[in-house]
Amino acid sequence: MTAARIIIDEIRGFHRFIKFLIFLVVLAVLGSTIRFIFGLGATTNLNDTYPWGLWISFDVVTAVPLAAGAFTIGVVAHVFRIEKLEPLVRPAIVTGFLGYSLVCVGLLLDLGQPHRGIYVLFPWNWNIHSPMFEVSMCVMAYTTVLFLEFLHPVSERFGWHIPLRLLRNLQIPFAILAAMISTLHQSTLGTFFLIAVDKLHALWYSPLLPLQFWLSAIFTGLCIVMLEASLVHRYMGQPDESKLLATLTRIVPWVMGAYIVVKVIPLLAMPQGPLFDRPILTTLFVVEITVGLFLPFWMFLQSRIRTDKSMQLRAASLAIFGLVLNRFNVSMFGMIQPGQQIYVPNILESVVTIGIIAAHILFFVLIARYFPIFEHHPEAVDRSIPDKFHRIETHGKDTKRGAVQGDAAIPGVQGS
């Protein structure tokens, strides 16, 4: 049987939802091809007034904090030694790796001359005063770190003994490095908009934008972990991790509280202009801080959320919604000037963005199907480096159970 026939037969066995995701990804690939053939001007609604549109507002400015769960849960589990959260780390790393990989795709789509993107690696082209330079270098560096962390389940899946031992010994250094790099570029995304003091509306412009972006990425990353764990339990037959998520519900309100302080105080103490002069922007701001910030903050403060799985899911979803709306408010809606033509993404931009979202979900499900990402490392494992390269025969009871889960416990993706 040829490889093509094996792949086709495998796809036929997928759930209808997975086939639909594949269809959306194919449409996005076709749309991206059209963009590269005809250029940005002919295939998007971008112009000199709005040079940053949907591909930057969502695929970069929003997607980067949504992929922050990898470094946040990595720091909590490995650096602060809350080892019981270890089962949440691998899914978060996969989510982060996919998120940052697709961020790179979004950046390539939005660059006017993507073939010149590699020039940022050449020292004679560096502009060390540019926040874009810092973000580009950090995104590449962090994507590399996430790739190395993703090699854990790959090494287990293919039985690569020596790489697995090396990677396990580097877990804590990787977690620290990931936190350092993420702190830099998550905050620098907010630095982008400091130059727009005369364009970004005063409801969102603040000298503390970098700190706001960093804090919101931290608590949103933890909420993404909560949302992900809830969904894979509900739709992919994985164990219920609500007891582990209860630990995260104790951490999130502290970070959200700090974010509220650095967001509200500048508005009250040093507003950069009239705040409530435009009804539409006022409505967007009120929805952002009430539905997407204060309401989930209040929910996380309730003791009932420690044991209520539905409440955990709702609170995390609202916080994520608030982050998404905030990023669009800062990068798109708050930039609209009175009397200017409003930017509206065209069909190709929307199809490509939907395809990128579909690709993230699709690749996560496929990785969960073929790689061991949901089980905990065995506690009693030989971490010494052997004197020869050989395959791993067994890891113990937990890994055997995980192998069965990885191959057969995902009802949502196996049958139609």
Protein backbone atom coordinates (compact mmCIF):
# COMPACT_ATOMS: atom_id res chain seq x y z
CA MET A 1 0.00 0.00 0.00
CA THR A 2 1.39 3.38 -1.01
CA ALA A 3 1.86 6.24 1.44
CA ALA A 4 -0.80 8.29 -0.38
CA ARG A 5 -3.33 5.49 -0.02
CA ILE A 6 -2.55 5.15 3.70
CA ILE A 7 -3.07 8.89 4.22
CA ILE A 8 -6.33 8.90 2.25
CA ASP A 9 -7.68 5.94 4.20
CA GLU A 10 -6.71 7.63 7.46
CA ILE A 11 -8.49 10.85 6.49
CA ARG A 12 -11.62 8.92 5.58
CA GLY A 13 -11.78 7.66 9.14
CA PHE A 14 -11.76 11.15 10.61
CA HIS A 15 -14.78 12.76 12.20
CA ARG A 16 -16.83 15.08 9.98
CA PHE A 17 -15.71 18.09 12.03
CA ILE A 18 -12.06 17.28 11.34
CA LYS A 19 -12.80 16.96 7.62
CA PHE A 20 -14.48 20.37 7.75
CA LEU A 21 -11.37 21.84 9.38
CA ILE A 22 -9.24 20.37 6.59
CA PHE A 23 -11.55 22.03 4.06
CA LEU A 24 -11.13 25.43 5.77
CA VAL A 25 -7.34 25.02 5.82
CA VAL A 26 -7.31 24.21 2.10
CA LEU A 27 -9.34 27.36 1.40
CA ALA A 28 -6.86 29.39 3.45
CA VAL A 29 -3.94 27.94 1.50
CA LEU A 30 -5.64 28.90 -1.76
CA GLY A 31 -6.33 32.40 -0.42
CA SER A 32 -2.70 32.76 0.70
CA THR A 33 -1.53 31.67 -2.76
CA ILE A 34 -3.69 34.36 -4.36
CA ARG A 35 -2.25 36.95 -1.96
CA PHE A 36 1.34 36.03 -2.89
CA ILE A 37 0.55 36.06 -6.61
CA PHE A 38 -1.32 39.38 -6.79
CA GLY A 39 0.08 41.22 -3.75
CA LEU A 40 -1.47 42.92 -0.74
CA GLY A 41 -3.07 45.83 -2.60
CA ALA A 42 -5.08 43.62 -4.94
CA THR A 43 -6.20 41.06 -2.36
CA THR A 44 -6.81 43.03 0.87
CA ASN A 45 -8.54 46.22 1.97
CA LEU A 46 -5.35 47.57 3.52
CA ASN A 47 -4.33 51.11 2.56
CA ASP A 48 -2.10 53.96 3.72
CA THR A 49 -4.63 54.89 6.41
CA TYR A 50 -4.94 51.33 7.71
CA PRO A 51 -1.68 49.52 6.91
CA TRP A 52 -2.39 47.02 9.72
CA GLY A 53 -5.61 45.09 9.32
CA LEU A 54 -7.09 41.76 10.35
CA TRP A 55 -3.89 39.76 9.78
CA ILE A 56 -2.00 41.90 12.30
CA SER A 57 -4.86 42.59 14.72
CA PHE A 58 -5.79 38.94 15.13
CA ASP A 59 -3.05 36.73 13.68
CA VAL A 60 -0.31 38.59 15.58
CA VAL A 61 -1.45 41.09 18.23
CA THR A 62 -4.20 38.75 19.49
CA ALA A 63 -2.75 35.32 18.72
CA VAL A 64 0.53 35.94 20.57
CA PRO A 65 -1.09 36.39 24.03
CA LEU A 66 -3.54 33.56 23.27
CA ALA A 67 -0.50 31.29 22.91
CA ALA A 68 0.96 32.44 26.23
CA GLY A 69 -0.28 29.39 28.13
CA ALA A 70 2.95 27.54 27.35
CA PHE A 71 5.26 29.88 29.22
CA THR A 72 2.82 30.64 32.06
CA ILE A 73 2.04 27.04 32.97
CA GLY A 74 5.69 26.09 32.37
CA VAL A 75 6.83 28.65 34.94
CA VAL A 76 4.15 27.62 37.44
CA ALA A 77 4.84 23.88 37.11
CA HIS A 78 8.62 23.80 36.63
CA VAL A 79 10.07 26.99 38.12
CA PHE A 80 7.71 27.34 41.09
CA ARG A 81 7.72 23.56 41.47
CA ILE A 82 3.95 23.02 41.52
CA GLU A 83 4.58 19.61 40.00
CA LYS A 84 1.01 18.38 40.25
CA LEU A 85 0.24 20.68 37.30
CA GLU A 86 2.60 18.70 35.07
CA PRO A 87 -0.27 17.03 33.11
CA LEU A 88 -1.27 20.50 31.86
CA VAL A 89 2.17 21.40 30.53
CA ARG A 90 2.43 19.34 27.35
CA PRO A 91 -0.95 20.36 25.87
CA ALA A 92 -0.08 23.99 26.64
CA ILE A 93 3.30 23.62 24.90
CA VAL A 94 1.63 22.13 21.83
CA THR A 95 -0.88 25.00 21.81
CA GLY A 96 1.89 27.55 22.18
CA PHE A 97 4.05 25.99 19.48
CA LEU A 98 1.16 25.87 17.03
CA GLY A 99 0.11 29.40 17.95
CA TYR A 100 3.53 30.93 17.39
CA SER A 101 4.10 28.93 14.20
CA LEU A 102 0.84 30.30 12.80
CA VAL A 103 1.78 33.80 14.01
CA CYS A 104 4.84 33.50 11.77
CA VAL A 105 2.52 32.53 8.91
CA GLY A 106 0.38 35.59 9.58
CA LEU A 107 3.43 37.82 9.59
CA LEU A 108 4.60 36.44 6.25
CA LEU A 109 1.16 37.10 4.79
CA ASP A 110 1.15 40.70 5.99
CA LEU A 111 4.69 41.60 4.93
CA GLY A 112 4.76 43.54 1.68
CA GLN A 113 7.95 41.72 0.66
CA PRO A 114 8.00 38.48 2.67
CA HIS A 115 11.10 37.22 0.85
CA ARG A 116 13.04 39.95 2.66
CA GLY A 117 11.91 38.76 6.09
CA ILE A 118 15.09 36.75 6.53
CA TYR A 119 17.08 39.99 6.44
CA VAL A 120 16.25 40.54 10.12
CA LEU A 121 18.78 37.80 10.92
CA PHE A 122 21.67 39.76 9.40
CA PRO A 123 23.38 42.02 12.00
CA TRP A 124 24.07 44.80 9.50
CA ASN A 125 20.29 45.21 9.06
CA TRP A 126 19.45 45.41 12.76
CA ASN A 127 17.58 48.44 14.06
CA ILE A 128 18.02 47.94 17.80
CA HIS A 129 15.80 50.95 18.54
CA SER A 130 12.76 49.38 16.86
CA PRO A 131 10.22 47.39 18.90
CA MET A 132 9.42 45.46 15.71
CA PHE A 133 13.00 44.21 15.62
CA GLU A 134 12.75 43.04 19.22
CA VAL A 135 9.44 41.27 18.61
CA SER A 136 10.68 39.56 15.46
CA MET A 137 13.80 38.24 17.17
CA CYS A 138 11.91 37.13 20.29
CA VAL A 139 9.15 35.41 18.32
CA MET A 140 11.74 33.44 16.35
CA ALA A 141 13.68 32.59 19.52
CA TYR A 142 10.57 31.57 21.48
CA THR A 143 9.21 29.49 18.60
CA THR A 144 12.54 27.64 18.61
CA VAL A 145 12.28 27.02 22.37
CA LEU A 146 8.72 25.75 21.97
CA PHE A 147 9.87 23.43 19.17
CA LEU A 148 12.55 21.97 21.43
CA GLU A 149 9.99 21.49 24.21
CA PHE A 150 7.61 19.88 21.71
CA LEU A 151 10.31 17.29 20.97
CA HIS A 152 9.48 15.60 24.31
CA PRO A 153 6.40 13.76 23.04
CA VAL A 154 8.03 13.28 19.63
CA SER A 155 10.98 11.52 21.26
CA GLU A 156 8.65 9.34 23.31
CA ARG A 157 6.53 8.50 20.29
CA PHE A 158 9.50 7.31 18.23
CA GLY A 159 11.53 5.93 21.12
CA TRP A 160 14.48 8.31 20.86
CA HIS A 161 16.22 7.54 24.14
CA ILE A 162 19.11 10.00 24.33
CA PRO A 163 17.21 13.12 23.08
CA LEU A 164 14.44 12.39 25.59
CA ARG A 165 16.83 12.27 28.54
CA LEU A 166 18.58 15.45 27.40
CA LEU A 167 15.32 17.31 26.92
CA ARG A 168 14.01 16.27 30.31
CA ASN A 169 17.16 17.59 31.98
CA LEU A 170 16.67 20.91 30.17
CA GLN A 171 13.04 21.42 31.22
CA ILE A 172 13.71 24.07 33.87
CA PRO A 173 16.24 26.05 31.75
CA PHE A 174 13.76 25.99 28.87
CA ALA A 175 10.95 27.21 31.15
CA ILE A 176 13.09 30.09 32.46
CA LEU A 177 14.23 31.02 28.95
CA ALA A 178 10.65 30.92 27.68
CA ALA A 179 9.51 33.24 30.47
CA MET A 180 12.30 35.72 29.77
CA ILE A 181 11.69 35.84 26.02
CA SER A 182 7.91 36.01 26.40
CA THR A 183 8.14 38.87 28.89
CA LEU A 184 10.08 40.86 26.31
CA HIS A 185 7.86 40.43 23.29
CA GLN A 186 4.49 40.29 25.08
CA SER A 187 5.19 43.72 26.57
CA THR A 188 6.73 45.09 23.37
CA LEU A 189 3.49 44.40 21.50
CA GLY A 190 2.09 47.19 23.67
CA THR A 191 5.11 49.37 22.88
CA PHE A 192 4.03 49.34 19.22
CA PHE A 193 1.15 51.65 20.05
CA LEU A 194 2.95 54.16 22.27
CA ILE A 195 3.91 56.10 19.16
CA ALA A 196 0.21 56.47 18.27
CA VAL A 197 -0.44 59.03 20.99
CA ASP A 198 -2.37 61.26 18.57
CA LYS A 199 -4.22 58.39 16.87
CA LEU A 200 -5.15 55.73 19.43
CA HIS A 201 -8.21 56.78 21.41
CA ALA A 202 -7.64 57.87 24.99
CA LEU A 203 -9.74 54.99 26.34
CA TRP A 204 -6.90 52.64 25.42
CA TYR A 205 -3.82 54.80 25.08
CA SER A 206 -1.64 54.69 28.18
CA PRO A 207 2.07 54.94 28.94
CA LEU A 208 1.57 51.62 30.74
CA LEU A 209 0.46 49.75 27.60
CA PRO A 210 3.53 47.43 27.66
CA LEU A 211 2.79 46.41 31.27
CA GLN A 212 -0.91 45.99 30.46
CA PHE A 213 -0.12 43.73 27.51
CA TRP A 214 2.24 41.58 29.60
CA LEU A 215 -0.13 41.12 32.54
CA SER A 216 -3.11 40.37 30.31
CA ALA A 217 -1.05 37.76 28.45
CA ILE A 218 -0.22 36.00 31.75
CA PHE A 219 -3.76 35.57 33.04
CA THR A 220 -5.13 34.87 29.56
CA GLY A 221 -2.49 32.17 29.06
CA LEU A 222 -3.67 30.46 32.25
CA CYS A 223 -7.29 30.81 31.08
CA ILE A 224 -6.36 29.22 27.75
CA VAL A 225 -4.96 26.24 29.70
CA MET A 226 -8.24 26.00 31.61
CA LEU A 227 -10.33 26.23 28.45
CA GLU A 228 -8.18 23.68 26.66
CA ALA A 229 -8.29 21.18 29.53
CA SER A 230 -12.07 21.50 29.76
CA LEU A 231 -12.61 21.00 26.03
CA VAL A 232 -10.28 18.01 25.62
CA HIS A 233 -12.05 16.36 28.55
CA ARG A 234 -15.45 17.02 27.02
CA TYR A 235 -14.73 16.23 23.37
CA MET A 236 -11.61 14.06 23.31
CA GLY A 237 -12.24 11.73 26.23
CA GLN A 238 -9.27 12.89 28.29
CA PRO A 239 -9.24 12.79 32.13
CA ASP A 240 -11.07 15.47 34.08
CA GLU A 241 -8.45 17.96 35.31
CA SER A 242 -10.81 20.25 37.21
CA LYS A 243 -8.94 19.61 40.48
CA LEU A 244 -5.73 20.84 38.85
CA LEU A 245 -7.55 23.79 37.32
CA ALA A 246 -8.69 24.76 40.81
CA THR A 247 -5.07 25.68 41.52
CA LEU A 248 -5.04 27.99 38.51
CA THR A 249 -8.26 29.67 39.68
CA ARG A 250 -6.33 30.79 42.77
CA ILE A 251 -3.57 32.37 40.67
CA VAL A 252 -5.59 34.09 37.94
CA PRO A 253 -7.42 36.69 40.11
CA TRP A 254 -4.13 38.01 41.51
CA VAL A 255 -2.83 38.74 38.02
CA MET A 256 -6.19 40.07 36.86
CA GLY A 257 -6.30 42.36 39.89
CA ALA A 258 -2.87 43.76 39.04
CA TYR A 259 -4.02 44.28 35.45
CA ILE A 260 -7.13 46.15 36.60
CA VAL A 261 -4.97 48.49 38.67
CA VAL A 262 -2.57 49.37 35.83
CA LYS A 263 -5.50 49.77 33.42
CA VAL A 264 -7.88 51.87 35.52
CA ILE A 265 -5.48 54.16 37.39
CA PRO A 266 -3.95 55.75 34.23
CA LEU A 267 -7.46 56.46 32.92
CA LEU A 268 -8.39 58.26 36.14
CA ALA A 269 -5.07 59.91 36.97
CA MET A 270 -3.57 60.80 33.59
CA PRO A 271 -6.09 60.57 30.73
CA GLN A 272 -4.56 61.34 27.34
CA GLY A 273 -7.67 63.08 26.00
CA PRO A 274 -11.48 63.05 26.17
CA LEU A 275 -12.67 59.57 27.16
CA PHE A 276 -16.35 59.28 26.34
CA ASP A 277 -16.72 61.48 23.26
CA ARG A 278 -17.53 58.68 20.79
CA PRO A 279 -20.50 56.41 21.63
CA ILE A 280 -19.38 53.37 19.63
CA LEU A 281 -15.92 53.30 21.19
CA THR A 282 -17.43 53.90 24.62
CA THR A 283 -19.68 50.89 24.12
CA LEU A 284 -16.74 48.72 23.07
CA PHE A 285 -14.77 49.84 26.13
CA VAL A 286 -17.65 49.17 28.52
CA VAL A 287 -18.20 45.68 27.08
CA GLU A 288 -14.47 44.96 27.33
CA ILE A 289 -14.06 45.89 30.98
CA THR A 290 -17.42 44.64 32.27
CA VAL A 291 -18.02 41.41 30.35
CA GLY A 292 -14.39 40.59 29.60
CA LEU A 293 -12.66 41.77 32.79
CA PHE A 294 -14.71 42.59 35.90
CA LEU A 295 -17.23 39.76 35.45
CA PRO A 296 -14.64 36.95 35.09
CA PHE A 297 -12.57 38.58 37.86
CA TRP A 298 -15.58 38.38 40.17
CA MET A 299 -16.20 34.77 39.12
CA PHE A 300 -12.60 33.78 39.87
CA LEU A 301 -12.95 35.28 43.36
CA GLN A 302 -15.84 32.94 44.19
CA SER A 303 -14.86 29.86 46.20
CA ARG A 304 -17.41 27.80 44.25
CA ILE A 305 -15.22 28.01 41.13
CA ARG A 306 -12.75 25.60 42.73
CA THR A 307 -15.18 22.70 42.23
CA ASP A 308 -17.60 23.99 39.58
CA LYS A 309 -16.30 22.86 36.17
CA SER A 310 -18.92 24.86 34.26
CA MET A 311 -18.02 28.02 36.15
CA GLN A 312 -14.32 27.48 35.42
CA LEU A 313 -15.09 27.18 31.71
CA ARG A 314 -17.33 30.26 31.65
CA ALA A 315 -14.90 32.45 33.59
CA ALA A 316 -11.95 31.42 31.41
CA SER A 317 -13.98 31.98 28.23
CA LEU A 318 -15.04 35.47 29.32
CA ALA A 319 -11.47 36.44 30.18
CA ILE A 320 -10.29 35.23 26.76
CA PHE A 321 -13.11 37.18 25.10
CA GLY A 322 -12.01 40.29 26.98
CA LEU A 323 -8.42 39.87 25.81
CA VAL A 324 -9.47 39.44 22.18
CA LEU A 325 -11.72 42.51 22.31
CA ASN A 326 -8.99 44.55 24.03
CA ARG A 327 -6.45 43.72 21.35
CA PHE A 328 -8.87 44.64 18.58
CA ASN A 329 -9.82 47.83 20.40
CA VAL A 330 -6.17 48.85 20.67
CA SER A 331 -4.96 47.78 17.23
CA MET A 332 -8.03 48.44 15.07
CA PHE A 333 -11.19 50.02 16.51
CA GLY A 334 -9.43 52.60 18.69
CA MET A 335 -7.37 53.71 15.68
CA ILE A 336 -10.40 54.77 13.64
CA GLN A 337 -10.48 58.55 13.25
CA PRO A 338 -13.69 60.61 12.91
CA GLY A 339 -14.57 61.17 9.28
CA GLN A 340 -12.19 58.52 7.93
CA GLN A 341 -13.28 55.60 5.81
CA ILE A 342 -13.60 52.57 8.09
CA TYR A 343 -11.44 49.55 7.31
CA VAL A 344 -13.43 46.35 6.77
CA PRO A 345 -11.55 43.11 5.95
CA ASN A 346 -12.43 41.63 2.58
CA ILE A 347 -13.47 38.02 2.01
CA LEU A 348 -9.95 36.77 1.30
CA GLU A 349 -8.54 38.23 4.51
CA SER A 350 -11.38 36.67 6.49
CA VAL A 351 -11.04 33.26 4.81
CA VAL A 352 -7.31 33.14 5.52
CA THR A 353 -7.78 34.12 9.17
CA ILE A 354 -10.54 31.52 9.64
CA GLY A 355 -8.25 28.96 8.00
CA ILE A 356 -5.43 29.81 10.43
CA ILE A 357 -7.78 29.26 13.37
CA ALA A 358 -8.96 25.99 11.81
CA ALA A 359 -5.34 24.91 11.26
CA HIS A 360 -4.56 25.45 14.94
CA ILE A 361 -7.46 23.25 16.04
CA LEU A 362 -6.77 20.65 13.35
CA PHE A 363 -3.07 20.26 14.10
CA PHE A 364 -3.72 20.09 17.84
CA VAL A 365 -6.23 17.26 17.37
CA LEU A 366 -3.89 15.38 15.02
CA ILE A 367 -0.94 15.77 17.38
CA ALA A 368 -3.13 14.57 20.25
CA ARG A 369 -4.12 11.58 18.14
CA TYR A 370 -0.61 10.45 17.22
CA PHE A 371 1.63 11.72 20.05
CA PRO A 372 1.56 11.25 23.84
CA ILE A 373 0.76 14.75 25.07
CA PHE A 374 -1.83 14.08 27.78
CA GLU A 375 0.00 11.81 30.19
CA HIS A 376 2.39 12.73 32.97
CA HIS A 377 6.05 11.75 32.87
CA PRO A 378 6.77 8.76 35.13
CA GLU A 379 8.21 10.03 38.40
CA ALA A 380 10.83 7.29 38.74
CA VAL A 381 12.64 7.64 35.43
CA ASP A 382 16.30 7.07 34.70
CA ARG A 383 17.59 10.48 33.65
CA SER A 384 21.17 9.37 33.11
CA ILE A 385 22.56 9.49 29.59
CA PRO A 386 23.10 5.93 28.26
CA ASP A 387 26.24 4.97 26.41
CA LYS A 388 24.40 4.00 23.26
CA PHE A 389 21.44 5.16 21.20
CA HIS A 390 18.52 2.77 21.50
CA ARG A 391 14.76 2.79 21.43
CA ILE A 392 12.67 3.02 24.54
CA GLU A 393 10.83 -0.20 25.19
CA THR A 394 8.65 0.91 28.11
CA HIS A 395 8.15 3.77 30.54
CA GLY A 396 5.95 2.03 33.05
CA LYS A 397 2.27 1.82 33.71
CA ASP A 398 1.49 5.52 33.11
CA THR A 399 3.09 5.62 29.68
CA LYS A 400 1.38 2.43 28.59
CA ARG A 401 -1.93 3.90 29.63
CA GLY A 402 -1.09 7.10 27.78
CA ALA A 403 -0.14 5.21 24.63
CA VAL A 404 -3.55 3.58 24.63
CA GLN A 405 -5.17 6.98 25.12
CA GLY A 406 -3.13 8.50 22.34
CA ASP A 407 -4.22 5.81 19.89
CA ALA A 408 -7.76 5.00 20.91
CA ALA A 409 -9.23 7.43 23.43
CA ILE A 410 -10.11 10.29 21.12
CA PRO A 411 -13.65 9.48 20.01
CA GLY A 412 -14.14 12.95 18.62
CA VAL A 413 -11.59 12.43 15.84
CA GLN A 414 -11.76 8.76 14.96
CA GLY A 415 -15.17 7.90 13.70
CA SER A 416 -17.65 9.76 11.62
